[in-house]
Amino acid sequence: MKKIGFLSFGHWSDSPHSTVRSGGDALLQSIELAVAAEELGADGAYFRVHHFAQQLASPFPLLAAAGARTSRIELGTAVIDMRYENPLYMAEDAGAADLISQGRLQLGISRGSPEQVIDGFRYFGYAPPDGMTDADMAREHTKVLLEVLTGRGFAQPNPRPMFPNPPGLLRIEPHAPGLRDRIWWGAGTRGTAEWAAEQGMNLMSSTLLTEDTGVPFHQLQAEQIQRFRDAWTAAGHIREPRVSVSRSIFPIVNDLDKQLFWRERHSTDQVGFLDGSNARFGKTYAGEPDKLVAELAADEAVAAADTLLLTVPNQMGVDYNAHVIESVLTHLAPELGWR
């Protein structure tokens, strides 16, 4: 069995070809797609966070609203850029959203990716201290977040408070039990996957890696997953970790699918240069269901992961994206043993 969810970047544009024309459209349609995905039997609704762009940026109001409209589906991020975050305020927001959803949050976080502006985190009031990089700052923010999510008290209470305090040091409220174990790190390399394992975070791996060894993308990603699991075991964690991978998968089952994705039927890996280093991008899977079943059966990283996130073209609207999700669940998942 494999958990299957969707991942939306929440783009909007005033283009006549987009059904998502505004930020309000992106948010409301994201909630509707989460509801539709739950009704179809999918397992997760995940959202990307990008600042200074016409895309989803403030995840917790969205996650809370989706949590209030659904009852079973996991709700998550893939990923939140920790360079921009106040970890204590984030813990409060995350705790509230998790309690509204009754413990269904799965938060993917990371150092982030190249953004729309130069050092955008500085406009949010965050700057790495001397001798520290922005990646170091993201990891420091992450360590604080992970610590406060445990629920242990750390703040000295006022001896004359407005309201009575419980005994001892105070913690961030509201506290969401179990959320600490539902934090994922979006790792772009094998080394960062090992670091995530050492910190006791689940692994989230996308459709690109910021390194390239010359092997096909899915094999490099499968190696990343194995190195994560080996590091997890070496760290001595008790619980079993989770691993997700993202894929662009479009079964062609009607004329509209063919019109939109027939050009992608022969997609291959791409190698490029991103953020100062070589990067390998995974291919798009598009074609008739029997062809995709054979191709996906050979994808070593998908086989190794317990969770698959389907990247969706959100500007096509809720109905079409629900159709893509349903096509994967109906035509591919049973044949591949995912259901």
Protein backbone atom coordinates (compact mmCIF):
# COMPACT_ATOMS: atom_id res chain seq x y z
CA MET A 1 0.00 0.00 0.00
CA LYS A 2 1.17 3.51 -0.81
CA LYS A 3 -0.28 6.84 0.26
CA ILE A 4 -1.15 9.02 -2.74
CA GLY A 5 -1.73 12.76 -2.52
CA PHE A 6 -1.45 15.85 -4.64
CA LEU A 7 0.99 18.75 -4.52
CA SER A 8 -0.13 22.18 -5.75
CA PHE A 9 1.98 25.30 -6.18
CA GLY A 10 -1.19 27.39 -6.22
CA HIS A 11 -0.27 29.53 -9.22
CA TRP A 12 -2.61 32.28 -10.32
CA SER A 13 -2.54 34.45 -13.40
CA ASP A 14 -4.83 36.81 -15.28
CA SER A 15 -4.07 34.86 -18.45
CA PRO A 16 -7.23 33.85 -20.35
CA HIS A 17 -5.90 30.28 -20.26
CA SER A 18 -5.98 30.14 -16.44
CA THR A 19 -9.05 29.32 -14.34
CA VAL A 20 -7.18 30.72 -11.31
CA ARG A 21 -7.15 34.48 -11.80
CA SER A 22 -6.39 35.80 -8.31
CA GLY A 23 -4.95 34.94 -4.92
CA GLY A 24 -8.49 34.38 -3.66
CA ASP A 25 -9.14 31.93 -6.48
CA ALA A 26 -5.94 30.03 -5.65
CA LEU A 27 -6.84 29.69 -1.98
CA LEU A 28 -10.48 28.76 -2.44
CA GLN A 29 -9.77 26.31 -5.23
CA SER A 30 -7.03 24.71 -3.12
CA ILE A 31 -9.58 24.01 -0.41
CA GLU A 32 -12.07 22.65 -2.96
CA LEU A 33 -9.43 20.37 -4.47
CA ALA A 34 -8.59 18.99 -1.01
CA VAL A 35 -12.29 18.22 -0.49
CA ALA A 36 -12.54 16.60 -3.93
CA ALA A 37 -9.37 14.56 -3.39
CA GLU A 38 -10.71 13.22 -0.11
CA GLU A 39 -13.98 12.23 -1.78
CA LEU A 40 -12.00 10.37 -4.47
CA GLY A 41 -10.09 8.40 -1.85
CA ALA A 42 -6.74 10.18 -2.08
CA ASP A 43 -4.62 10.38 1.05
CA GLY A 44 -3.04 13.83 1.02
CA ALA A 45 -3.39 17.47 -0.01
CA TYR A 46 -0.05 19.28 -0.01
CA PHE A 47 0.82 22.86 -0.91
CA ARG A 48 4.05 24.58 -1.95
CA VAL A 49 5.05 27.89 -0.33
CA HIS A 50 6.72 30.64 -2.39
CA HIS A 51 7.16 34.25 -1.29
CA PHE A 52 7.00 37.34 -3.53
CA ALA A 53 5.22 35.32 -6.24
CA GLN A 54 1.68 34.79 -7.50
CA GLN A 55 1.57 31.44 -5.73
CA LEU A 56 0.52 30.13 -2.35
CA ALA A 57 2.58 31.74 0.40
CA SER A 58 0.83 31.67 3.81
CA PRO A 59 0.06 28.02 4.48
CA PHE A 60 -1.56 27.94 7.90
CA PRO A 61 -4.85 29.73 7.15
CA LEU A 62 -5.18 27.45 4.12
CA LEU A 63 -4.38 24.29 6.08
CA ALA A 64 -6.78 25.26 8.86
CA ALA A 65 -9.59 25.99 6.39
CA ALA A 66 -8.98 22.71 4.54
CA GLY A 67 -8.88 20.91 7.87
CA ALA A 68 -12.29 22.30 8.78
CA ARG A 69 -13.76 21.13 5.45
CA THR A 70 -12.30 17.60 5.47
CA SER A 71 -12.18 14.72 7.93
CA ARG A 72 -9.67 12.13 6.77
CA ILE A 73 -7.11 13.38 4.25
CA GLU A 74 -3.62 14.42 5.34
CA LEU A 75 -2.90 18.14 4.93
CA GLY A 76 0.62 19.34 4.41
CA THR A 77 3.23 21.58 2.89
CA ALA A 78 5.98 20.77 0.42
CA VAL A 79 7.73 22.89 1.48
CA ILE A 80 7.93 25.89 3.85
CA ASP A 81 11.15 27.89 3.49
CA MET A 82 12.55 28.09 7.01
CA ARG A 83 14.73 31.10 6.18
CA TYR A 84 11.55 33.20 6.37
CA GLU A 85 10.08 31.75 9.55
CA ASN A 86 9.87 32.79 13.19
CA PRO A 87 9.90 29.25 14.64
CA LEU A 88 7.92 30.13 17.77
CA TYR A 89 5.16 31.92 15.87
CA MET A 90 5.19 29.06 13.37
CA ALA A 91 4.75 26.55 16.19
CA GLU A 92 1.65 28.44 17.38
CA ASP A 93 0.14 28.59 13.89
CA ALA A 94 0.97 24.97 13.16
CA GLY A 95 -0.42 23.83 16.50
CA ALA A 96 -3.72 25.62 15.87
CA ALA A 97 -4.06 24.24 12.33
CA ASP A 98 -3.21 20.73 13.51
CA LEU A 99 -5.80 20.82 16.27
CA ILE A 100 -8.46 22.07 13.84
CA SER A 101 -7.67 19.13 11.55
CA GLN A 102 -7.54 16.75 14.53
CA GLY A 103 -3.93 15.71 14.02
CA ARG A 104 -3.73 15.47 10.23
CA LEU A 105 -0.95 17.98 9.50
CA GLN A 106 2.21 16.78 7.73
CA LEU A 107 4.57 19.75 7.48
CA GLY A 108 7.32 19.72 4.90
CA ILE A 109 10.00 22.33 5.59
CA SER A 110 13.41 23.08 4.09
CA ARG A 111 16.10 25.64 3.37
CA GLY A 112 13.99 26.63 0.38
CA SER A 113 14.81 27.15 -3.28
CA PRO A 114 15.87 30.16 -5.37
CA GLU A 115 13.25 32.86 -4.90
CA GLN A 116 11.77 35.74 -6.85
CA VAL A 117 13.86 38.38 -5.11
CA ILE A 118 17.43 38.52 -3.82
CA ASP A 119 17.65 37.36 -0.20
CA GLY A 120 13.92 37.74 0.30
CA PHE A 121 14.19 36.55 3.89
CA ARG A 122 15.91 39.84 4.75
CA TYR A 123 12.70 41.73 3.95
CA PHE A 124 11.00 39.51 6.54
CA GLY A 125 13.52 40.64 9.13
CA TYR A 126 15.87 37.65 9.09
CA ALA A 127 19.58 37.82 8.30
CA PRO A 128 22.27 35.21 8.93
CA PRO A 129 24.76 36.28 11.62
CA ASP A 130 28.37 36.77 10.59
CA GLY A 131 29.91 33.46 9.65
CA MET A 132 26.57 31.80 9.01
CA THR A 133 24.94 31.14 5.62
CA ASP A 134 21.24 31.39 4.87
CA ALA A 135 21.16 27.57 4.81
CA ASP A 136 22.68 27.56 8.32
CA MET A 137 20.01 30.02 9.43
CA ALA A 138 17.25 27.78 8.05
CA ARG A 139 18.64 24.84 10.01
CA GLU A 140 18.86 26.89 13.20
CA HIS A 141 15.24 27.98 12.81
CA THR A 142 14.36 24.33 12.24
CA LYS A 143 16.12 23.17 15.40
CA VAL A 144 14.18 25.70 17.47
CA LEU A 145 10.90 24.64 15.86
CA LEU A 146 11.54 20.95 16.51
CA GLU A 147 12.40 21.64 20.14
CA VAL A 148 9.31 23.72 20.94
CA LEU A 149 7.03 21.21 19.18
CA THR A 150 7.97 18.63 21.81
CA GLY A 151 5.81 20.55 24.27
CA ARG A 152 8.52 20.97 26.86
CA GLY A 153 8.39 24.21 28.82
CA PHE A 154 11.17 26.75 28.30
CA ALA A 155 9.81 30.25 29.10
CA GLN A 156 10.08 31.75 32.59
CA PRO A 157 6.57 32.59 33.89
CA ASN A 158 5.66 36.00 35.22
CA PRO A 159 5.35 35.82 39.03
CA ARG A 160 2.30 38.10 38.79
CA PRO A 161 0.52 36.88 35.62
CA MET A 162 -2.80 38.14 34.30
CA PHE A 163 -4.09 34.54 34.42
CA PRO A 164 -2.97 31.63 36.63
CA ASN A 165 -0.05 29.64 35.21
CA PRO A 166 0.56 25.91 35.48
CA PRO A 167 3.64 25.01 37.51
CA GLY A 168 7.09 25.19 35.94
CA LEU A 169 8.33 26.72 32.72
CA LEU A 170 5.77 27.54 30.05
CA ARG A 171 5.51 26.11 26.53
CA ILE A 172 4.10 27.37 23.26
CA GLU A 173 0.32 27.06 23.10
CA PRO A 174 -1.72 25.56 21.65
CA HIS A 175 0.35 22.40 21.80
CA ALA A 176 -0.41 19.77 19.14
CA PRO A 177 0.57 16.31 20.44
CA GLY A 178 2.44 14.24 17.90
CA LEU A 179 3.14 17.05 15.44
CA ARG A 180 6.90 16.81 16.11
CA ASP A 181 6.85 13.37 14.45
CA ARG A 182 5.01 14.77 11.42
CA ILE A 183 7.71 17.20 10.30
CA TRP A 184 9.42 16.42 6.98
CA TRP A 185 12.61 17.89 5.50
CA GLY A 186 12.65 18.68 1.80
CA ALA A 187 16.11 17.38 0.88
CA GLY A 188 17.75 18.28 -2.41
CA THR A 189 20.85 16.12 -1.95
CA ARG A 190 21.89 12.82 -0.43
CA GLY A 191 23.79 14.66 2.30
CA THR A 192 20.84 16.76 3.41
CA ALA A 193 18.70 13.61 3.52
CA GLU A 194 21.18 12.12 5.97
CA TRP A 195 21.06 15.31 8.06
CA ALA A 196 17.25 15.13 8.13
CA ALA A 197 17.44 11.57 9.40
CA GLU A 198 19.82 12.57 12.18
CA GLN A 199 17.31 15.24 13.30
CA GLY A 200 14.45 12.72 13.36
CA MET A 201 12.50 14.27 10.49
CA ASN A 202 10.74 12.42 7.70
CA LEU A 203 12.14 12.75 4.18
CA MET A 204 10.50 14.68 1.36
CA SER A 205 12.16 14.45 -2.05
CA SER A 206 10.83 16.30 -5.08
CA THR A 207 11.20 16.07 -8.85
CA LEU A 208 14.70 17.56 -8.76
CA LEU A 209 17.97 16.99 -6.94
CA THR A 210 20.66 19.64 -6.75
CA GLU A 211 23.40 17.17 -7.60
CA ASP A 212 24.08 14.82 -10.48
CA THR A 213 26.15 11.61 -10.62
CA GLY A 214 25.23 10.67 -14.17
CA VAL A 215 22.71 7.97 -13.26
CA PRO A 216 18.97 8.30 -14.05
CA PHE A 217 17.04 10.56 -11.68
CA HIS A 218 15.01 7.78 -10.09
CA GLN A 219 18.16 5.80 -9.25
CA LEU A 220 19.88 8.82 -7.70
CA GLN A 221 16.74 9.52 -5.67
CA ALA A 222 16.51 5.86 -4.60
CA GLU A 223 20.10 6.13 -3.34
CA GLN A 224 19.13 9.29 -1.44
CA ILE A 225 16.25 7.42 0.20
CA GLN A 226 18.47 4.48 1.18
CA ARG A 227 21.09 6.78 2.66
CA PHE A 228 18.34 8.53 4.64
CA ARG A 229 17.10 5.21 6.04
CA ASP A 230 20.62 4.06 6.89
CA ALA A 231 21.27 7.34 8.73
CA TRP A 232 17.93 7.01 10.55
CA THR A 233 18.87 3.55 11.80
CA ALA A 234 22.33 4.73 12.84
CA ALA A 235 20.78 7.61 14.82
CA GLY A 236 18.80 5.11 16.89
CA HIS A 237 15.34 6.60 16.41
CA ILE A 238 12.54 4.34 17.61
CA ARG A 239 9.69 5.13 15.24
CA GLU A 240 9.60 4.24 11.54
CA PRO A 241 10.27 7.25 9.29
CA ARG A 242 8.18 8.22 6.30
CA VAL A 243 9.45 9.07 2.82
CA SER A 244 7.65 10.91 0.05
CA VAL A 245 8.57 11.56 -3.57
CA SER A 246 6.87 13.88 -6.04
CA ARG A 247 6.05 12.98 -9.62
CA SER A 248 4.28 14.59 -12.57
CA ILE A 249 1.95 11.80 -13.78
CA PHE A 250 -0.75 12.29 -16.40
CA PRO A 251 -2.65 9.23 -17.65
CA ILE A 252 -4.10 9.97 -21.08
CA VAL A 253 -7.64 8.61 -20.91
CA ASN A 254 -9.64 11.18 -22.91
CA ASP A 255 -9.27 13.72 -25.69
CA LEU A 256 -8.48 16.63 -23.36
CA ASP A 257 -5.67 14.68 -21.70
CA LYS A 258 -4.25 13.91 -25.12
CA GLN A 259 -4.50 17.54 -26.21
CA LEU A 260 -2.67 18.74 -23.10
CA PHE A 261 0.01 16.12 -22.56
CA TRP A 262 0.72 14.15 -25.74
CA ARG A 263 3.95 16.11 -26.20
CA GLU A 264 5.19 14.81 -22.84
CA ARG A 265 4.85 11.13 -23.79
CA HIS A 266 8.58 10.88 -24.53
CA SER A 267 9.79 13.05 -21.64
CA THR A 268 13.26 12.32 -20.24
CA ASP A 269 15.40 13.48 -17.33
CA GLN A 270 16.94 16.92 -17.68
CA VAL A 271 20.30 18.09 -16.34
CA GLY A 272 20.81 21.77 -15.62
CA PHE A 273 22.50 24.29 -13.35
CA LEU A 274 20.58 25.49 -10.28
CA ASP A 275 21.62 27.54 -7.27
CA GLY A 276 25.32 27.24 -8.07
CA SER A 277 25.54 23.52 -8.84
CA ASN A 278 24.49 20.84 -11.27
CA ALA A 279 20.95 19.57 -10.86
CA ARG A 280 18.99 16.63 -12.26
CA PHE A 281 15.28 16.98 -12.95
CA GLY A 282 12.98 13.97 -13.18
CA LYS A 283 10.86 13.35 -16.24
CA THR A 284 7.11 13.77 -16.66
CA TYR A 285 5.11 10.55 -16.92
CA ALA A 286 2.43 10.99 -19.58
CA GLY A 287 0.76 8.39 -21.76
CA GLU A 288 -1.82 5.65 -21.92
CA PRO A 289 -2.31 3.81 -18.60
CA ASP A 290 -0.66 0.54 -19.63
CA LYS A 291 2.47 2.44 -20.74
CA LEU A 292 2.61 4.37 -17.45
CA VAL A 293 2.15 1.23 -15.38
CA ALA A 294 5.24 -0.28 -17.00
CA GLU A 295 7.30 2.90 -16.63
CA LEU A 296 6.33 3.55 -13.02
CA ALA A 297 6.97 -0.07 -12.06
CA ALA A 298 10.60 0.55 -13.03
CA ASP A 299 10.91 3.76 -10.98
CA GLU A 300 13.12 2.72 -8.07
CA ALA A 301 12.45 5.81 -5.95
CA VAL A 302 8.68 5.55 -6.24
CA ALA A 303 8.97 1.90 -5.20
CA ALA A 304 11.09 2.87 -2.18
CA ALA A 305 8.77 5.65 -0.92
CA ASP A 306 5.66 5.15 1.18
CA THR A 307 4.03 8.36 -0.10
CA LEU A 308 3.62 9.66 -3.65
CA LEU A 309 2.71 13.30 -4.29
CA LEU A 310 1.21 14.09 -7.70
CA THR A 311 2.18 17.55 -8.91
CA VAL A 312 -0.97 19.06 -10.41
CA PRO A 313 -1.46 21.86 -12.94
CA ASN A 314 -3.64 23.89 -10.61
CA GLN A 315 -4.43 26.60 -13.17
CA MET A 316 -6.48 24.00 -15.04
CA GLY A 317 -9.07 24.20 -12.26
CA VAL A 318 -10.51 21.90 -9.62
CA ASP A 319 -12.51 19.64 -11.93
CA TYR A 320 -9.62 18.82 -14.25
CA ASN A 321 -7.16 18.24 -11.41
CA ALA A 322 -9.66 15.99 -9.65
CA HIS A 323 -9.88 14.07 -12.93
CA VAL A 324 -6.07 13.63 -12.99
CA ILE A 325 -6.06 12.37 -9.41
CA GLU A 326 -8.95 10.00 -10.11
CA SER A 327 -7.21 8.67 -13.23
CA VAL A 328 -4.11 7.78 -11.22
CA LEU A 329 -6.16 6.17 -8.45
CA THR A 330 -8.33 4.23 -10.90
CA HIS A 331 -6.06 3.30 -13.80
CA LEU A 332 -2.58 3.08 -12.26
CA ALA A 333 -2.66 2.50 -8.51
CA PRO A 334 -4.37 -0.93 -8.51
CA GLU A 335 -2.14 -2.26 -11.29
CA LEU A 336 1.00 -1.12 -9.47
CA GLY A 337 -0.05 -2.54 -6.09
CA TRP A 338 -0.45 0.89 -4.54
CA ARG A 339 -4.07 0.13 -3.68
